[in-house]
Amino acid sequence: LHPYTQGLFHSLPRLGEKKHRLDAIGGNVPDPLTFPAGCKF
C-alpha cells in the first residue's frame, strides 16, 4: 500500500522479463539530522 513499499517491489528483477529495466526509487535517503518536514518520504 505505501508508496515506499511499492517502490521496493518495483525495484526487484522480474522473472522471465529479460529486457526489463529495474525501477529505482528517485532521490536520496534523507539525512537523519535534517529530515524533511511532513512525510519523510
Full PDB file with SEQRES, HELIX, SHEET, SSBOND, CRYST1, ORIGX, SCALE, CONECT and MASTER records, all heavy atoms in Angstrom:
SEQRES   1 A   41  LEU HIS PRO TYR THR GLN GLY LEU PHE HIS SER LEU PRO          
SEQRES   2 A   41  ARG LEU GLY GLU LYS LYS HIS ARG LEU ASP ALA ILE GLY          
SEQRES   3 A   41  GLY ASN VAL PRO ASP PRO LEU THR PHE PRO ALA GLY CYS          
SEQRES   4 A   41  LYS PHE                                                      
HELIX    1 AA1 PRO A    3  HIS A   10  1                                   8    
CRYST1    1.000    1.000    1.000  90.00  90.00  90.00 P 1           1          
ORIGX1      1.000000  0.000000  0.000000        0.00000                         
ORIGX2      0.000000  1.000000  0.000000        0.00000                         
ORIGX3      0.000000  0.000000  1.000000        0.00000                         
SCALE1      1.000000  0.000000  0.000000        0.00000                         
SCALE2      0.000000  1.000000  0.000000        0.00000                         
SCALE3      0.000000  0.000000  1.000000        0.00000                         
ATOM      1  N   LEU A   1       0.797  -1.216   0.000  1.00  0.00           N  
ATOM      2  CA  LEU A   1       0.000   0.000   0.000  1.00  0.00           C  
ATOM      3  C   LEU A   1       0.836   1.275   0.000  1.00  0.00           C  
ATOM      4  O   LEU A   1       0.519   2.228  -0.711  1.00  0.00           O  
ATOM      5  CB  LEU A   1      -0.936   0.005   1.222  1.00  0.00           C  
ATOM      6  CG  LEU A   1      -2.029  -1.058   1.265  1.00  0.00           C  
ATOM      7  CD1 LEU A   1      -2.869  -0.894   2.527  1.00  0.00           C  
ATOM      8  CD2 LEU A   1      -2.920  -0.983   0.031  1.00  0.00           C  
ATOM      9  N   HIS A   2       1.862   1.318   0.835  1.00  0.00           N  
ATOM     10  CA  HIS A   2       2.640   2.552   0.953  1.00  0.00           C  
ATOM     11  C   HIS A   2       3.513   2.749  -0.291  1.00  0.00           C  
ATOM     12  O   HIS A   2       4.080   1.785  -0.815  1.00  0.00           O  
ATOM     13  CB  HIS A   2       3.522   2.486   2.202  1.00  0.00           C  
ATOM     14  CG  HIS A   2       4.072   3.810   2.603  1.00  0.00           C  
ATOM     15  ND1 HIS A   2       5.173   4.378   1.995  1.00  0.00           N  
ATOM     16  CD2 HIS A   2       3.674   4.705   3.554  1.00  0.00           C  
ATOM     17  CE1 HIS A   2       5.440   5.548   2.555  1.00  0.00           C  
ATOM     18  NE2 HIS A   2       4.541   5.770   3.499  1.00  0.00           N  
ATOM     19  N   PRO A   3       3.640   3.985  -0.789  1.00  0.00           N  
ATOM     20  CA  PRO A   3       4.465   4.220  -1.984  1.00  0.00           C  
ATOM     21  C   PRO A   3       5.908   3.746  -1.833  1.00  0.00           C  
ATOM     22  O   PRO A   3       6.505   3.294  -2.819  1.00  0.00           O  
ATOM     23  CB  PRO A   3       4.398   5.745  -2.155  1.00  0.00           C  
ATOM     24  CG  PRO A   3       3.113   6.141  -1.517  1.00  0.00           C  
ATOM     25  CD  PRO A   3       2.926   5.200  -0.356  1.00  0.00           C  
ATOM     26  N   TYR A   4       6.459   3.826  -0.626  1.00  0.00           N  
ATOM     27  CA  TYR A   4       7.824   3.327  -0.431  1.00  0.00           C  
ATOM     28  C   TYR A   4       7.875   1.816  -0.585  1.00  0.00           C  
ATOM     29  O   TYR A   4       8.771   1.277  -1.251  1.00  0.00           O  
ATOM     30  CB  TYR A   4       8.344   3.734   0.946  1.00  0.00           C  
ATOM     31  CG  TYR A   4       9.694   3.129   1.266  1.00  0.00           C  
ATOM     32  CD1 TYR A   4      10.823   3.477   0.535  1.00  0.00           C  
ATOM     33  CD2 TYR A   4       9.845   2.193   2.291  1.00  0.00           C  
ATOM     34  CE1 TYR A   4      12.057   2.924   0.806  1.00  0.00           C  
ATOM     35  CE2 TYR A   4      11.070   1.636   2.580  1.00  0.00           C  
ATOM     36  CZ  TYR A   4      12.175   2.001   1.831  1.00  0.00           C  
ATOM     37  OH  TYR A   4      13.393   1.441   2.098  1.00  0.00           O  
ATOM     38  N   THR A   5       6.913   1.109   0.008  1.00  0.00           N  
ATOM     39  CA  THR A   5       6.856  -0.350  -0.142  1.00  0.00           C  
ATOM     40  C   THR A   5       6.681  -0.717  -1.611  1.00  0.00           C  
ATOM     41  O   THR A   5       7.324  -1.645  -2.116  1.00  0.00           O  
ATOM     42  CB  THR A   5       5.697  -0.930   0.683  1.00  0.00           C  
ATOM     43  OG1 THR A   5       5.722  -0.387   1.998  1.00  0.00           O  
ATOM     44  CG2 THR A   5       5.805  -2.445   0.771  1.00  0.00           C  
ATOM     45  N   GLN A   6       5.820  -0.014  -2.310  1.00  0.00           N  
ATOM     46  CA  GLN A   6       5.628  -0.265  -3.735  1.00  0.00           C  
ATOM     47  C   GLN A   6       6.922  -0.053  -4.501  1.00  0.00           C  
ATOM     48  O   GLN A   6       7.260  -0.822  -5.410  1.00  0.00           O  
ATOM     49  CB  GLN A   6       4.527   0.656  -4.275  1.00  0.00           C  
ATOM     50  CG  GLN A   6       3.145   0.366  -3.704  1.00  0.00           C  
ATOM     51  CD  GLN A   6       2.121   1.422  -4.082  1.00  0.00           C  
ATOM     52  OE1 GLN A   6       2.450   2.414  -4.728  1.00  0.00           O  
ATOM     53  NE2 GLN A   6       0.868   1.223  -3.666  1.00  0.00           N  
ATOM     54  N   GLY A   7       7.672   0.991  -4.128  1.00  0.00           N  
ATOM     55  CA  GLY A   7       8.954   1.241  -4.777  1.00  0.00           C  
ATOM     56  C   GLY A   7       9.947   0.116  -4.556  1.00  0.00           C  
ATOM     57  O   GLY A   7      10.713  -0.240  -5.461  1.00  0.00           O  
ATOM     58  N   LEU A   8       9.954  -0.462  -3.345  1.00  0.00           N  
ATOM     59  CA  LEU A   8      10.837  -1.598  -3.073  1.00  0.00           C  
ATOM     60  C   LEU A   8      10.513  -2.774  -3.987  1.00  0.00           C  
ATOM     61  O   LEU A   8      11.406  -3.422  -4.539  1.00  0.00           O  
ATOM     62  CB  LEU A   8      10.716  -2.025  -1.608  1.00  0.00           C  
ATOM     63  CG  LEU A   8      11.252  -1.072  -0.541  1.00  0.00           C  
ATOM     64  CD1 LEU A   8      11.019  -1.663   0.846  1.00  0.00           C  
ATOM     65  CD2 LEU A   8      12.733  -0.806  -0.744  1.00  0.00           C  
ATOM     66  N   PHE A   9       9.232  -3.060  -4.159  1.00  0.00           N  
ATOM     67  CA  PHE A   9       8.832  -4.181  -5.001  1.00  0.00           C  
ATOM     68  C   PHE A   9       9.115  -3.901  -6.478  1.00  0.00           C  
ATOM     69  O   PHE A   9       9.507  -4.807  -7.226  1.00  0.00           O  
ATOM     70  CB  PHE A   9       7.351  -4.506  -4.793  1.00  0.00           C  
ATOM     71  CG  PHE A   9       7.077  -5.312  -3.562  1.00  0.00           C  
ATOM     72  CD1 PHE A   9       6.654  -4.707  -2.395  1.00  0.00           C  
ATOM     73  CD2 PHE A   9       7.270  -6.682  -3.554  1.00  0.00           C  
ATOM     74  CE1 PHE A   9       6.414  -5.450  -1.240  1.00  0.00           C  
ATOM     75  CE2 PHE A   9       7.041  -7.436  -2.415  1.00  0.00           C  
ATOM     76  CZ  PHE A   9       6.612  -6.823  -1.254  1.00  0.00           C  
ATOM     77  N   HIS A  10       8.927  -2.654  -6.922  1.00  0.00           N  
ATOM     78  CA  HIS A  10       9.197  -2.324  -8.322  1.00  0.00           C  
ATOM     79  C   HIS A  10      10.681  -2.409  -8.659  1.00  0.00           C  
ATOM     80  O   HIS A  10      11.055  -2.554  -9.828  1.00  0.00           O  
ATOM     81  CB  HIS A  10       8.687  -0.920  -8.636  1.00  0.00           C  
ATOM     82  CG  HIS A  10       7.188  -0.826  -8.654  1.00  0.00           C  
ATOM     83  ND1 HIS A  10       6.519   0.367  -8.479  1.00  0.00           N  
ATOM     84  CD2 HIS A  10       6.230  -1.769  -8.803  1.00  0.00           C  
ATOM     85  CE1 HIS A  10       5.219   0.143  -8.527  1.00  0.00           C  
ATOM     86  NE2 HIS A  10       5.021  -1.147  -8.711  1.00  0.00           N  
ATOM     87  N   SER A  11      11.529  -2.294  -7.645  1.00  0.00           N  
ATOM     88  CA  SER A  11      12.975  -2.342  -7.885  1.00  0.00           C  
ATOM     89  C   SER A  11      13.518  -3.761  -7.988  1.00  0.00           C  
ATOM     90  O   SER A  11      14.703  -3.955  -8.262  1.00  0.00           O  
ATOM     91  CB  SER A  11      13.710  -1.608  -6.761  1.00  0.00           C  
ATOM     92  OG  SER A  11      13.587  -2.306  -5.525  1.00  0.00           O  
ATOM     93  N   LEU A  12      12.646  -4.763  -7.778  1.00  0.00           N  
ATOM     94  CA  LEU A  12      13.079  -6.155  -7.853  1.00  0.00           C  
ATOM     95  C   LEU A  12      13.075  -6.636  -9.300  1.00  0.00           C  
ATOM     96  O   LEU A  12      12.211  -6.249 -10.092  1.00  0.00           O  
ATOM     97  CB  LEU A  12      12.146  -7.048  -7.028  1.00  0.00           C  
ATOM     98  CG  LEU A  12      12.120  -6.822  -5.519  1.00  0.00           C  
ATOM     99  CD1 LEU A  12      11.050  -7.706  -4.885  1.00  0.00           C  
ATOM    100  CD2 LEU A  12      13.481  -7.121  -4.913  1.00  0.00           C  
ATOM    101  N   PRO A  13      14.039  -7.496  -9.680  1.00  0.00           N  
ATOM    102  CA  PRO A  13      14.005  -8.086 -11.025  1.00  0.00           C  
ATOM    103  C   PRO A  13      12.811  -9.016 -11.173  1.00  0.00           C  
ATOM    104  O   PRO A  13      12.394  -9.664 -10.213  1.00  0.00           O  
ATOM    105  CB  PRO A  13      15.327  -8.863 -11.096  1.00  0.00           C  
ATOM    106  CG  PRO A  13      15.712  -9.115  -9.678  1.00  0.00           C  
ATOM    107  CD  PRO A  13      15.190  -7.958  -8.890  1.00  0.00           C  
ATOM    108  N   ARG A  14      12.248  -9.054 -12.364  1.00  0.00           N  
ATOM    109  CA  ARG A  14      11.076  -9.877 -12.619  1.00  0.00           C  
ATOM    110  C   ARG A  14      11.458 -11.085 -13.458  1.00  0.00           C  
ATOM    111  O   ARG A  14      12.086 -10.954 -14.513  1.00  0.00           O  
ATOM    112  CB  ARG A  14       9.981  -9.061 -13.313  1.00  0.00           C  
ATOM    113  CG  ARG A  14       9.501  -7.889 -12.476  1.00  0.00           C  
ATOM    114  CD  ARG A  14       8.304  -7.196 -13.112  1.00  0.00           C  
ATOM    115  NE  ARG A  14       7.860  -6.107 -12.261  1.00  0.00           N  
ATOM    116  CZ  ARG A  14       8.080  -4.819 -12.519  1.00  0.00           C  
ATOM    117  NH1 ARG A  14       8.736  -4.484 -13.608  1.00  0.00           N  
ATOM    118  NH2 ARG A  14       7.646  -3.894 -11.701  1.00  0.00           N  
ATOM    119  N   LEU A  15      11.070 -12.237 -12.984  1.00  0.00           N  
ATOM    120  CA  LEU A  15      11.407 -13.487 -13.650  1.00  0.00           C  
ATOM    121  C   LEU A  15      10.790 -13.524 -15.042  1.00  0.00           C  
ATOM    122  O   LEU A  15       9.605 -13.256 -15.224  1.00  0.00           O  
ATOM    123  CB  LEU A  15      10.895 -14.669 -12.824  1.00  0.00           C  
ATOM    124  CG  LEU A  15      11.390 -16.058 -13.214  1.00  0.00           C  
ATOM    125  CD1 LEU A  15      12.896 -16.157 -13.017  1.00  0.00           C  
ATOM    126  CD2 LEU A  15      10.686 -17.129 -12.379  1.00  0.00           C  
ATOM    127  N   GLY A  16      11.605 -13.847 -16.052  1.00  0.00           N  
ATOM    128  CA  GLY A  16      11.106 -14.002 -17.412  1.00  0.00           C  
ATOM    129  C   GLY A  16      11.119 -12.735 -18.237  1.00  0.00           C  
ATOM    130  O   GLY A  16      10.867 -12.770 -19.441  1.00  0.00           O  
ATOM    131  N   GLU A  17      11.416 -11.581 -17.618  1.00  0.00           N  
ATOM    132  CA  GLU A  17      11.461 -10.325 -18.357  1.00  0.00           C  
ATOM    133  C   GLU A  17      12.918  -9.906 -18.530  1.00  0.00           C  
ATOM    134  O   GLU A  17      13.458  -9.101 -17.783  1.00  0.00           O  
ATOM    135  CB  GLU A  17      10.674  -9.242 -17.619  1.00  0.00           C  
ATOM    136  CG  GLU A  17       9.188  -9.550 -17.483  1.00  0.00           C  
ATOM    137  CD  GLU A  17       8.419  -8.395 -16.850  1.00  0.00           C  
ATOM    138  OE1 GLU A  17       8.927  -7.263 -16.878  1.00  0.00           O  
ATOM    139  OE2 GLU A  17       7.311  -8.635 -16.337  1.00  0.00           O  
ATOM    140  N   LYS A  18      13.564 -10.461 -19.570  1.00  0.00           N  
ATOM    141  CA  LYS A  18      14.996 -10.261 -19.751  1.00  0.00           C  
ATOM    142  C   LYS A  18      15.356  -8.800 -20.027  1.00  0.00           C  
ATOM    143  O   LYS A  18      16.412  -8.322 -19.643  1.00  0.00           O  
ATOM    144  CB  LYS A  18      15.495 -11.143 -20.894  1.00  0.00           C  
ATOM    145  CG  LYS A  18      15.363 -12.632 -20.621  1.00  0.00           C  
ATOM    146  CD  LYS A  18      15.907 -13.452 -21.767  1.00  0.00           C  
ATOM    147  CE  LYS A  18      15.771 -14.950 -21.477  1.00  0.00           C  
ATOM    148  NZ  LYS A  18      16.277 -15.780 -22.593  1.00  0.00           N  
ATOM    149  N   LYS A  19      14.466  -8.091 -20.714  1.00  0.00           N  
ATOM    150  CA  LYS A  19      14.769  -6.717 -21.084  1.00  0.00           C  
ATOM    151  C   LYS A  19      14.185  -5.699 -20.108  1.00  0.00           C  
ATOM    152  O   LYS A  19      14.217  -4.503 -20.358  1.00  0.00           O  
ATOM    153  CB  LYS A  19      14.241  -6.440 -22.497  1.00  0.00           C  
ATOM    154  CG  LYS A  19      14.920  -7.283 -23.572  1.00  0.00           C  
ATOM    155  CD  LYS A  19      14.406  -6.916 -24.956  1.00  0.00           C  
ATOM    156  CE  LYS A  19      15.087  -7.759 -26.027  1.00  0.00           C  
ATOM    157  NZ  LYS A  19      14.602  -7.411 -27.391  1.00  0.00           N  
ATOM    158  N   HIS A  20      13.624  -6.206 -19.019  1.00  0.00           N  
ATOM    159  CA  HIS A  20      13.002  -5.289 -18.067  1.00  0.00           C  
ATOM    160  C   HIS A  20      14.063  -4.447 -17.367  1.00  0.00           C  
ATOM    161  O   HIS A  20      15.066  -4.955 -16.878  1.00  0.00           O  
ATOM    162  CB  HIS A  20      12.211  -6.081 -17.020  1.00  0.00           C  
ATOM    163  CG  HIS A  20      11.682  -5.244 -15.906  1.00  0.00           C  
ATOM    164  ND1 HIS A  20      10.677  -4.335 -16.086  1.00  0.00           N  
ATOM    165  CD2 HIS A  20      12.047  -5.157 -14.591  1.00  0.00           C  
ATOM    166  CE1 HIS A  20      10.432  -3.730 -14.939  1.00  0.00           C  
ATOM    167  NE2 HIS A  20      11.251  -4.206 -14.016  1.00  0.00           N  
ATOM    168  N   ARG A  21      13.844  -3.158 -17.345  1.00  0.00           N  
ATOM    169  CA  ARG A  21      14.748  -2.243 -16.654  1.00  0.00           C  
ATOM    170  C   ARG A  21      14.246  -2.040 -15.222  1.00  0.00           C  
ATOM    171  O   ARG A  21      13.074  -1.736 -15.013  1.00  0.00           O  
ATOM    172  CB  ARG A  21      14.799  -0.901 -17.376  1.00  0.00           C  
ATOM    173  CG  ARG A  21      15.816   0.078 -16.797  1.00  0.00           C  
ATOM    174  CD  ARG A  21      15.824   1.371 -17.583  1.00  0.00           C  
ATOM    175  NE  ARG A  21      16.823   2.296 -17.073  1.00  0.00           N  
ATOM    176  CZ  ARG A  21      18.103   2.303 -17.445  1.00  0.00           C  
ATOM    177  NH1 ARG A  21      18.511   1.440 -18.363  1.00  0.00           N  
ATOM    178  NH2 ARG A  21      18.949   3.166 -16.937  1.00  0.00           N  
ATOM    179  N   LEU A  22      15.131  -2.239 -14.247  1.00  0.00           N  
ATOM    180  CA  LEU A  22      14.725  -2.101 -12.854  1.00  0.00           C  
ATOM    181  C   LEU A  22      14.357  -0.653 -12.545  1.00  0.00           C  
ATOM    182  O   LEU A  22      15.007   0.289 -13.000  1.00  0.00           O  
ATOM    183  CB  LEU A  22      15.863  -2.555 -11.931  1.00  0.00           C  
ATOM    184  CG  LEU A  22      16.307  -4.016 -12.069  1.00  0.00           C  
ATOM    185  CD1 LEU A  22      17.370  -4.333 -11.032  1.00  0.00           C  
ATOM    186  CD2 LEU A  22      15.133  -4.951 -11.917  1.00  0.00           C  
ATOM    187  N   ASP A  23      13.288  -0.494 -11.792  1.00  0.00           N  
ATOM    188  CA  ASP A  23      12.813   0.839 -11.419  1.00  0.00           C  
ATOM    189  C   ASP A  23      13.423   1.234 -10.082  1.00  0.00           C  
ATOM    190  O   ASP A  23      13.153   0.605  -9.065  1.00  0.00           O  
ATOM    191  CB  ASP A  23      11.290   0.850 -11.316  1.00  0.00           C  
ATOM    192  CG  ASP A  23      10.620   0.514 -12.635  1.00  0.00           C  
ATOM    193  OD1 ASP A  23      11.132   0.970 -13.670  1.00  0.00           O  
ATOM    194  OD2 ASP A  23       9.599  -0.199 -12.614  1.00  0.00           O  
ATOM    195  N   ALA A  24      14.225   2.267 -10.087  1.00  0.00           N  
ATOM    196  CA  ALA A  24      14.827   2.760  -8.853  1.00  0.00           C  
ATOM    197  C   ALA A  24      13.910   3.792  -8.207  1.00  0.00           C  
ATOM    198  O   ALA A  24      13.139   4.470  -8.890  1.00  0.00           O  
ATOM    199  CB  ALA A  24      16.189   3.380  -9.136  1.00  0.00           C  
ATOM    200  N   ILE A  25      13.983   3.894  -6.884  1.00  0.00           N  
ATOM    201  CA  ILE A  25      13.264   4.950  -6.174  1.00  0.00           C  
ATOM    202  C   ILE A  25      14.068   6.233  -6.347  1.00  0.00           C  
ATOM    203  O   ILE A  25      15.251   6.287  -6.025  1.00  0.00           O  
ATOM    204  CB  ILE A  25      13.106   4.611  -4.684  1.00  0.00           C  
ATOM    205  CG1 ILE A  25      12.310   3.309  -4.512  1.00  0.00           C  
ATOM    206  CG2 ILE A  25      12.407   5.743  -3.937  1.00  0.00           C  
ATOM    207  CD1 ILE A  25      12.195   2.840  -3.072  1.00  0.00           C  
ATOM    208  N   GLY A  26      13.434   7.254  -6.885  1.00  0.00           N  
ATOM    209  CA  GLY A  26      14.138   8.505  -7.151  1.00  0.00           C  
ATOM    210  C   GLY A  26      14.611   9.198  -5.892  1.00  0.00           C  
ATOM    211  O   GLY A  26      14.133   8.937  -4.781  1.00  0.00           O  
ATOM    212  N   GLY A  27      15.552  10.109  -6.066  1.00  0.00           N  
ATOM    213  CA  GLY A  27      16.036  10.892  -4.936  1.00  0.00           C  
ATOM    214  C   GLY A  27      17.010  10.139  -4.062  1.00  0.00           C  
ATOM    215  O   GLY A  27      17.502   9.065  -4.413  1.00  0.00           O  
ATOM    216  N   ASN A  28      17.266  10.693  -2.898  1.00  0.00           N  
ATOM    217  CA  ASN A  28      18.224  10.123  -1.962  1.00  0.00           C  
ATOM    218  C   ASN A  28      17.590   9.895  -0.594  1.00  0.00           C  
ATOM    219  O   ASN A  28      16.589  10.539  -0.243  1.00  0.00           O  
ATOM    220  CB  ASN A  28      19.427  11.067  -1.787  1.00  0.00           C  
ATOM    221  CG  ASN A  28      20.182  11.276  -3.081  1.00  0.00           C  
ATOM    222  OD1 ASN A  28      20.534  10.320  -3.766  1.00  0.00           O  
ATOM    223  ND2 ASN A  28      20.439  12.538  -3.416  1.00  0.00           N  
ATOM    224  N   VAL A  29      18.167   8.961   0.161  1.00  0.00           N  
ATOM    225  CA  VAL A  29      17.730   8.743   1.538  1.00  0.00           C  
ATOM    226  C   VAL A  29      17.956  10.028   2.328  1.00  0.00           C  
ATOM    227  O   VAL A  29      19.026  10.631   2.241  1.00  0.00           O  
ATOM    228  CB  VAL A  29      18.523   7.580   2.171  1.00  0.00           C  
ATOM    229  CG1 VAL A  29      18.094   7.375   3.619  1.00  0.00           C  
ATOM    230  CG2 VAL A  29      18.338   6.307   1.371  1.00  0.00           C  
ATOM    231  N   PRO A  30      16.972  10.496   3.078  1.00  0.00           N  
ATOM    232  CA  PRO A  30      17.139  11.772   3.784  1.00  0.00           C  
ATOM    233  C   PRO A  30      18.190  11.700   4.878  1.00  0.00           C  
ATOM    234  O   PRO A  30      18.397  10.671   5.508  1.00  0.00           O  
ATOM    235  CB  PRO A  30      15.747  12.032   4.368  1.00  0.00           C  
ATOM    236  CG  PRO A  30      15.113  10.687   4.486  1.00  0.00           C  
ATOM    237  CD  PRO A  30      15.641   9.901   3.322  1.00  0.00           C  
ATOM    238  N   ASP A  31      18.846  12.820   5.099  1.00  0.00           N  
ATOM    239  CA  ASP A  31      19.820  12.953   6.175  1.00  0.00           C  
ATOM    240  C   ASP A  31      19.081  12.941   7.508  1.00  0.00           C  
ATOM    241  O   ASP A  31      18.178  13.750   7.733  1.00  0.00           O  
ATOM    242  CB  ASP A  31      20.565  14.283   6.008  1.00  0.00           C  
ATOM    243  CG  ASP A  31      21.676  14.478   7.026  1.00  0.00           C  
ATOM    244  OD1 ASP A  31      21.704  13.737   8.033  1.00  0.00           O  
ATOM    245  OD2 ASP A  31      22.509  15.371   6.817  1.00  0.00           O  
ATOM    246  N   PRO A  32      19.426  12.009   8.421  1.00  0.00           N  
ATOM    247  CA  PRO A  32      18.704  11.932   9.701  1.00  0.00           C  
ATOM    248  C   PRO A  32      18.850  13.175  10.563  1.00  0.00           C  
ATOM    249  O   PRO A  32      18.086  13.372  11.504  1.00  0.00           O  
ATOM    250  CB  PRO A  32      19.322  10.702  10.383  1.00  0.00           C  
ATOM    251  CG  PRO A  32      20.643  10.516   9.721  1.00  0.00           C  
ATOM    252  CD  PRO A  32      20.463  10.974   8.310  1.00  0.00           C  
ATOM    253  N   LEU A  33      19.825  14.012  10.271  1.00  0.00           N  
ATOM    254  CA  LEU A  33      19.969  15.266  11.007  1.00  0.00           C  
ATOM    255  C   LEU A  33      19.009  16.334  10.493  1.00  0.00           C  
ATOM    256  O   LEU A  33      18.680  17.284  11.198  1.00  0.00           O  
ATOM    257  CB  LEU A  33      21.405  15.780  10.891  1.00  0.00           C  
ATOM    258  CG  LEU A  33      22.447  15.067  11.746  1.00  0.00           C  
ATOM    259  CD1 LEU A  33      23.845  15.487  11.354  1.00  0.00           C  
ATOM    260  CD2 LEU A  33      22.200  15.329  13.229  1.00  0.00           C  
ATOM    261  N   THR A  34      18.550  16.165   9.254  1.00  0.00           N  
ATOM    262  CA  THR A  34      17.664  17.172   8.647  1.00  0.00           C  
ATOM    263  C   THR A  34      16.541  16.478   7.889  1.00  0.00           C  
ATOM    264  O   THR A  34      16.410  16.638   6.677  1.00  0.00           O  
ATOM    265  CB  THR A  34      18.454  18.086   7.702  1.00  0.00           C  
ATOM    266  OG1 THR A  34      19.134  17.278   6.710  1.00  0.00           O  
ATOM    267  CG2 THR A  34      19.463  18.922   8.457  1.00  0.00           C  
ATOM    268  N   PHE A  35      15.754  15.671   8.595  1.00  0.00           N  
ATOM    269  CA  PHE A  35      14.610  15.040   7.949  1.00  0.00           C  
ATOM    270  C   PHE A  35      13.681  16.111   7.375  1.00  0.00           C  
ATOM    271  O   PHE A  35      13.494  17.171   7.984  1.00  0.00           O  
ATOM    272  CB  PHE A  35      13.824  14.191   8.957  1.00  0.00           C  
ATOM    273  CG  PHE A  35      14.426  12.845   9.231  1.00  0.00           C  
ATOM    274  CD1 PHE A  35      14.472  12.344  10.529  1.00  0.00           C  
ATOM    275  CD2 PHE A  35      14.930  12.058   8.206  1.00  0.00           C  
ATOM    276  CE1 PHE A  35      15.016  11.095  10.793  1.00  0.00           C  
ATOM    277  CE2 PHE A  35      15.481  10.814   8.459  1.00  0.00           C  
ATOM    278  CZ  PHE A  35      15.518  10.331   9.750  1.00  0.00           C  
ATOM    279  N   PRO A  36      13.070  15.849   6.222  1.00  0.00           N  
ATOM    280  CA  PRO A  36      12.147  16.830   5.646  1.00  0.00           C  
ATOM    281  C   PRO A  36      10.895  16.979   6.500  1.00  0.00           C  
ATOM    282  O   PRO A  36      10.504  16.069   7.229  1.00  0.00           O  
ATOM    283  CB  PRO A  36      11.812  16.227   4.274  1.00  0.00           C  
ATOM    284  CG  PRO A  36      12.049  14.765   4.435  1.00  0.00           C  
ATOM    285  CD  PRO A  36      13.201  14.638   5.391  1.00  0.00           C  
ATOM    286  N   ALA A  37      10.270  18.134   6.406  1.00  0.00           N  
ATOM    287  CA  ALA A  37       9.011  18.357   7.102  1.00  0.00           C  
ATOM    288  C   ALA A  37       7.922  17.495   6.473  1.00  0.00           C  
ATOM    289  O   ALA A  37       8.017  17.075   5.322  1.00  0.00           O  
ATOM    290  CB  ALA A  37       8.633  19.828   7.026  1.00  0.00           C  
ATOM    291  N   GLY A  38       6.880  17.232   7.249  1.00  0.00           N  
ATOM    292  CA  GLY A  38       5.783  16.416   6.737  1.00  0.00           C  
ATOM    293  C   GLY A  38       6.178  14.960   6.628  1.00  0.00           C  
ATOM    294  O   GLY A  38       6.961  14.441   7.427  1.00  0.00           O  
ATOM    295  N   CYS A  39       5.644  14.293   5.636  1.00  0.00           N  
ATOM    296  CA  CYS A  39       6.001  12.892   5.394  1.00  0.00           C  
ATOM    297  C   CYS A  39       7.458  12.820   4.964  1.00  0.00           C  
ATOM    298  O   CYS A  39       7.884  13.510   4.032  1.00  0.00           O  
ATOM    299  CB  CYS A  39       5.095  12.309   4.312  1.00  0.00           C  
ATOM    300  SG  CYS A  39       5.572  10.647   3.789  1.00  0.00           S  
ATOM    301  N   LYS A  40       8.241  11.979   5.635  1.00  0.00           N  
ATOM    302  CA  LYS A  40       9.671  11.892   5.329  1.00  0.00           C  
ATOM    303  C   LYS A  40       9.939  11.362   3.925  1.00  0.00           C  
ATOM    304  O   LYS A  40      11.021  11.561   3.369  1.00  0.00           O  
ATOM    305  CB  LYS A  40      10.376  11.015   6.367  1.00  0.00           C  
ATOM    306  CG  LYS A  40      10.426  11.605   7.770  1.00  0.00           C  
ATOM    307  CD  LYS A  40      11.210  10.703   8.699  1.00  0.00           C  
ATOM    308  CE  LYS A  40      11.382  11.324  10.081  1.00  0.00           C  
ATOM    309  NZ  LYS A  40      10.102  11.411  10.801  1.00  0.00           N  
ATOM    310  N   PHE A  41       8.957  10.676   3.349  1.00  0.00           N  
ATOM    311  CA  PHE A  41       9.152  10.096   2.018  1.00  0.00           C  
ATOM    312  C   PHE A  41       8.698  11.041   0.905  1.00  0.00           C  
ATOM    313  O   PHE A  41       8.963  10.781  -0.264  1.00  0.00           O  
ATOM    314  CB  PHE A  41       8.386   8.768   1.919  1.00  0.00           C  
ATOM    315  CG  PHE A  41       8.648   7.987   0.660  1.00  0.00           C  
ATOM    316  CD1 PHE A  41       9.917   7.526   0.354  1.00  0.00           C  
ATOM    317  CD2 PHE A  41       7.617   7.723  -0.236  1.00  0.00           C  
ATOM    318  CE1 PHE A  41      10.170   6.812  -0.820  1.00  0.00           C  
ATOM    319  CE2 PHE A  41       7.852   6.994  -1.397  1.00  0.00           C  
ATOM    320  CZ  PHE A  41       9.132   6.542  -1.688  1.00  0.00           C  
TER     321      PHE A  41                                                      
MASTER        0    0    0    1    0    0    0    6  320    1    0    4          
END                                                                             
